[in-house]
N, C-alpha and C. Protein backbone atom coordinates (compact mmCIF):
# COMPACT_ATOMS: atom_id res chain seq x y z
N MET A 1 -30.27 -58.46 3.12
CA MET A 1 -31.05 -59.52 3.10
C MET A 1 -31.01 -59.99 1.34
N LYS A 2 -31.20 -61.39 1.31
CA LYS A 2 -30.70 -62.17 0.00
C LYS A 2 -32.09 -62.03 -0.83
N LYS A 3 -31.87 -61.82 -2.09
CA LYS A 3 -32.95 -61.96 -3.02
C LYS A 3 -32.61 -63.02 -3.95
N GLN A 4 -33.78 -63.82 -4.36
CA GLN A 4 -33.70 -64.79 -5.09
C GLN A 4 -34.53 -64.61 -6.22
N ILE A 5 -33.93 -65.15 -7.61
CA ILE A 5 -34.66 -64.85 -8.71
C ILE A 5 -35.50 -66.20 -8.70
N LYS A 6 -36.83 -66.08 -9.23
CA LYS A 6 -38.06 -66.61 -9.00
C LYS A 6 -38.19 -67.28 -10.64
N ARG A 7 -38.10 -66.18 -11.49
CA ARG A 7 -38.58 -66.69 -12.79
C ARG A 7 -37.98 -65.71 -13.70
N LEU A 8 -37.27 -65.97 -14.85
CA LEU A 8 -36.88 -65.42 -16.07
C LEU A 8 -37.77 -65.60 -17.12
N SER A 9 -38.30 -64.25 -17.80
CA SER A 9 -39.23 -64.12 -18.75
C SER A 9 -38.56 -64.49 -20.19
N PRO A 10 -39.04 -65.35 -20.73
CA PRO A 10 -38.45 -65.96 -22.24
C PRO A 10 -38.69 -64.74 -22.84
N HIS A 11 -39.90 -63.76 -23.04
CA HIS A 11 -40.10 -62.64 -23.81
C HIS A 11 -39.31 -61.83 -23.62
N GLN A 12 -38.75 -61.56 -22.36
CA GLN A 12 -37.88 -60.28 -21.93
C GLN A 12 -36.50 -60.38 -22.30
N ASN A 13 -36.05 -61.66 -22.31
CA ASN A 13 -34.73 -62.27 -22.58
C ASN A 13 -34.50 -62.08 -24.13
N GLY A 14 -35.66 -62.47 -24.77
CA GLY A 14 -35.80 -62.59 -26.25
C GLY A 14 -35.54 -61.20 -26.96
N LYS A 15 -36.37 -60.27 -25.93
CA LYS A 15 -36.25 -59.00 -26.54
C LYS A 15 -34.65 -58.29 -26.33
N VAL A 16 -34.34 -58.36 -25.20
CA VAL A 16 -32.71 -57.94 -25.03
C VAL A 16 -32.04 -58.50 -25.92
N PHE A 17 -31.94 -59.79 -26.03
CA PHE A 17 -31.11 -60.60 -27.17
C PHE A 17 -31.06 -59.87 -28.61
N GLY A 18 -32.47 -59.99 -28.83
CA GLY A 18 -32.82 -59.43 -30.24
C GLY A 18 -32.47 -58.05 -30.76
N ILE A 19 -32.66 -57.16 -29.61
CA ILE A 19 -32.10 -55.75 -29.83
C ILE A 19 -30.54 -55.79 -29.73
N THR A 20 -29.93 -56.44 -28.81
CA THR A 20 -28.41 -56.53 -28.90
C THR A 20 -28.03 -56.91 -30.21
N MET A 21 -28.49 -58.03 -30.80
CA MET A 21 -28.23 -58.52 -31.74
C MET A 21 -28.43 -57.34 -33.13
N ALA A 22 -29.48 -56.77 -33.33
CA ALA A 22 -29.80 -55.88 -34.14
C ALA A 22 -28.90 -54.56 -34.14
N VAL A 23 -28.27 -54.17 -32.73
CA VAL A 23 -27.25 -53.17 -32.54
C VAL A 23 -25.85 -53.57 -33.15
N ILE A 24 -25.76 -54.73 -32.90
CA ILE A 24 -24.51 -55.29 -33.21
C ILE A 24 -24.08 -55.61 -34.57
N ALA A 25 -25.19 -56.15 -35.43
CA ALA A 25 -25.26 -56.45 -36.76
C ALA A 25 -24.59 -55.51 -37.78
N PRO A 26 -24.73 -53.90 -37.81
CA PRO A 26 -23.95 -53.51 -38.66
C PRO A 26 -22.72 -53.23 -38.14
N LEU A 27 -22.18 -53.39 -37.16
CA LEU A 27 -20.59 -53.55 -37.05
C LEU A 27 -20.04 -54.75 -38.17
N PHE A 28 -20.76 -55.69 -38.23
CA PHE A 28 -20.34 -56.74 -39.22
C PHE A 28 -20.65 -56.66 -40.57
N MET A 29 -21.89 -55.93 -40.89
CA MET A 29 -22.61 -55.88 -41.88
C MET A 29 -21.83 -54.74 -42.82
N ILE A 30 -21.43 -53.61 -42.43
CA ILE A 30 -20.83 -52.36 -43.06
C ILE A 30 -19.59 -52.71 -43.36
N PRO A 31 -18.68 -53.23 -42.76
CA PRO A 31 -17.27 -53.73 -43.46
C PRO A 31 -17.53 -54.89 -44.23
N LEU A 32 -18.29 -55.88 -44.26
CA LEU A 32 -18.53 -56.94 -45.20
C LEU A 32 -19.16 -56.38 -46.42
N SER A 33 -19.92 -55.45 -46.38
CA SER A 33 -21.06 -54.98 -47.54
C SER A 33 -19.87 -54.08 -48.42
N ILE A 34 -18.95 -53.38 -47.44
CA ILE A 34 -17.76 -52.57 -48.37
C ILE A 34 -17.09 -53.49 -49.15
N ILE A 35 -16.32 -54.58 -48.27
CA ILE A 35 -15.71 -55.52 -48.98
C ILE A 35 -16.42 -56.29 -50.46
N MET A 36 -17.67 -56.32 -50.22
CA MET A 36 -18.38 -56.88 -51.28
C MET A 36 -18.74 -55.89 -52.48
N PHE A 37 -19.07 -54.97 -52.26
CA PHE A 37 -19.33 -53.78 -53.38
C PHE A 37 -17.84 -53.64 -54.18
N ILE A 38 -16.78 -53.81 -53.24
CA ILE A 38 -15.47 -53.49 -53.90
C ILE A 38 -14.98 -54.86 -54.73
N SER A 39 -15.20 -55.73 -54.15
CA SER A 39 -14.56 -57.06 -55.05
C SER A 39 -15.75 -57.63 -55.87
N MET A 40 -17.00 -57.30 -56.08
CA MET A 40 -18.12 -57.75 -56.86
C MET A 40 -17.81 -57.32 -58.19
N PRO A 41 -18.02 -58.03 -58.95
CA PRO A 41 -17.99 -57.62 -60.51
C PRO A 41 -19.21 -56.72 -60.92
N THR A 42 -18.91 -55.91 -61.86
CA THR A 42 -19.89 -55.06 -62.45
C THR A 42 -20.79 -55.56 -63.52
N ALA A 43 -20.36 -56.56 -64.47
CA ALA A 43 -21.09 -57.11 -65.26
C ALA A 43 -20.58 -58.66 -65.12
N ASP A 44 -21.68 -59.30 -66.03
CA ASP A 44 -21.40 -60.91 -65.91
C ASP A 44 -20.68 -61.06 -67.43
N LYS A 45 -20.67 -62.27 -67.61
CA LYS A 45 -19.75 -62.72 -68.95
C LYS A 45 -20.46 -62.30 -70.10
N SER A 46 -21.83 -62.13 -70.01
CA SER A 46 -22.50 -61.51 -71.28
C SER A 46 -22.49 -60.08 -71.54
N GLY A 47 -21.81 -59.47 -70.47
CA GLY A 47 -21.83 -57.92 -70.56
C GLY A 47 -22.79 -57.39 -69.73
N ASN A 48 -24.12 -57.91 -69.41
CA ASN A 48 -25.08 -57.58 -68.52
C ASN A 48 -24.87 -56.90 -67.13
N PRO A 49 -25.15 -55.90 -67.02
CA PRO A 49 -24.98 -55.51 -65.76
C PRO A 49 -25.57 -55.82 -64.29
N ILE A 50 -24.61 -56.06 -63.16
CA ILE A 50 -25.31 -56.89 -61.87
C ILE A 50 -25.37 -56.05 -61.19
N ASN A 51 -26.96 -55.95 -60.52
CA ASN A 51 -27.18 -55.13 -59.23
C ASN A 51 -26.77 -55.67 -58.18
N SER A 52 -26.00 -54.75 -57.29
CA SER A 52 -25.66 -55.55 -55.81
C SER A 52 -26.83 -55.23 -55.09
N PRO A 53 -27.10 -56.28 -53.93
CA PRO A 53 -27.98 -56.31 -53.35
C PRO A 53 -27.55 -55.35 -51.91
N LYS A 54 -28.03 -53.99 -52.10
CA LYS A 54 -27.84 -53.08 -51.35
C LYS A 54 -28.62 -52.99 -50.35
N PHE A 55 -30.13 -53.80 -50.25
CA PHE A 55 -31.30 -53.66 -49.31
C PHE A 55 -30.47 -54.48 -48.29
N LEU A 56 -29.48 -55.80 -48.33
CA LEU A 56 -29.24 -56.23 -47.34
C LEU A 56 -28.52 -55.45 -46.22
N ILE A 57 -27.96 -54.44 -46.47
CA ILE A 57 -27.54 -53.45 -45.13
C ILE A 57 -28.54 -53.28 -44.45
N ILE A 58 -29.96 -52.82 -44.69
CA ILE A 58 -31.05 -52.85 -43.97
C ILE A 58 -31.53 -53.86 -43.50
N ALA A 59 -31.63 -54.85 -44.47
CA ALA A 59 -32.67 -56.05 -44.02
C ALA A 59 -31.86 -56.91 -42.91
N MET A 60 -30.39 -57.08 -42.95
CA MET A 60 -29.91 -58.17 -42.30
C MET A 60 -30.08 -57.48 -40.26
N PRO A 61 -30.00 -56.42 -40.12
CA PRO A 61 -30.03 -56.07 -38.72
C PRO A 61 -31.65 -56.66 -38.33
N ILE A 62 -32.42 -56.54 -39.05
CA ILE A 62 -33.99 -56.71 -38.82
C ILE A 62 -34.09 -58.38 -38.83
N PHE A 63 -33.25 -58.97 -39.66
CA PHE A 63 -33.48 -60.50 -39.67
C PHE A 63 -32.64 -60.95 -38.23
N TYR A 64 -31.71 -60.05 -37.95
CA TYR A 64 -30.84 -60.56 -36.59
C TYR A 64 -31.79 -60.19 -35.53
N LEU A 65 -32.26 -59.17 -35.51
CA LEU A 65 -33.38 -58.91 -34.42
C LEU A 65 -34.86 -59.86 -34.17
N VAL A 66 -35.12 -60.37 -35.35
CA VAL A 66 -36.34 -61.22 -35.53
C VAL A 66 -35.56 -62.71 -34.98
N PHE A 67 -34.83 -63.03 -35.92
CA PHE A 67 -34.35 -64.35 -35.54
C PHE A 67 -33.56 -64.93 -34.26
N GLY A 68 -32.86 -63.62 -33.70
CA GLY A 68 -32.55 -63.48 -32.29
C GLY A 68 -33.50 -63.59 -31.18
N TYR A 69 -34.81 -62.95 -31.49
CA TYR A 69 -35.50 -63.00 -30.52
C TYR A 69 -36.26 -64.48 -30.32
N ILE A 70 -36.36 -65.07 -31.61
CA ILE A 70 -37.22 -66.15 -31.89
C ILE A 70 -36.42 -67.45 -31.10
N SER A 71 -35.14 -67.35 -31.53
CA SER A 71 -34.00 -68.39 -31.06
C SER A 71 -33.87 -68.29 -29.55
N THR A 72 -33.71 -67.06 -28.99
CA THR A 72 -33.74 -66.88 -27.40
C THR A 72 -34.97 -67.41 -26.57
N ALA A 73 -36.14 -66.81 -27.46
CA ALA A 73 -37.39 -67.21 -26.59
C ALA A 73 -37.55 -68.82 -26.78
N ILE A 74 -37.15 -69.63 -27.85
CA ILE A 74 -37.53 -70.98 -27.68
C ILE A 74 -36.73 -71.72 -27.02
N GLY A 75 -35.14 -71.62 -27.18
CA GLY A 75 -34.39 -71.91 -26.24
C GLY A 75 -34.32 -71.95 -25.23
N PHE A 76 -34.81 -70.57 -24.47
CA PHE A 76 -34.71 -70.50 -23.26
C PHE A 76 -36.07 -71.26 -22.58
N ASN A 77 -37.02 -71.77 -23.23
CA ASN A 77 -38.27 -72.78 -22.84
C ASN A 77 -37.55 -74.17 -22.53
N PHE A 78 -36.65 -74.39 -23.81
CA PHE A 78 -36.22 -75.78 -23.35
C PHE A 78 -34.94 -75.99 -22.31
N THR A 79 -34.23 -75.01 -22.22
CA THR A 79 -33.27 -74.95 -21.11
C THR A 79 -33.70 -74.86 -19.78
N VAL A 80 -34.64 -73.66 -19.67
CA VAL A 80 -35.01 -73.31 -18.19
C VAL A 80 -36.26 -74.25 -17.89
N GLY A 81 -37.08 -74.28 -18.73
CA GLY A 81 -38.64 -75.01 -18.89
C GLY A 81 -39.57 -73.90 -17.81
N PRO A 82 -40.62 -74.28 -18.12
CA PRO A 82 -41.80 -73.43 -17.33
C PRO A 82 -41.74 -73.68 -16.17
N VAL A 83 -42.04 -72.50 -15.29
CA VAL A 83 -41.72 -72.35 -13.78
C VAL A 83 -43.27 -72.43 -13.27
């Protein structure tokens, strides 16, 4: 017996893609952060200490999750259209 897919939900596809992006983001963020922390200077030209943006290691997977969901849900509506 053949089954035919009648509808794909933008919300469900957005959730799956957003979570996938949030899981994959640390694979890129951790090595890039290590390189950034090693190569970033510790002081500016005046001798003032520079604080490195350590919060980005936590924030970027969250941004990937949110923007992955939004872009998939919106893009899915334009490509497939409402059924």
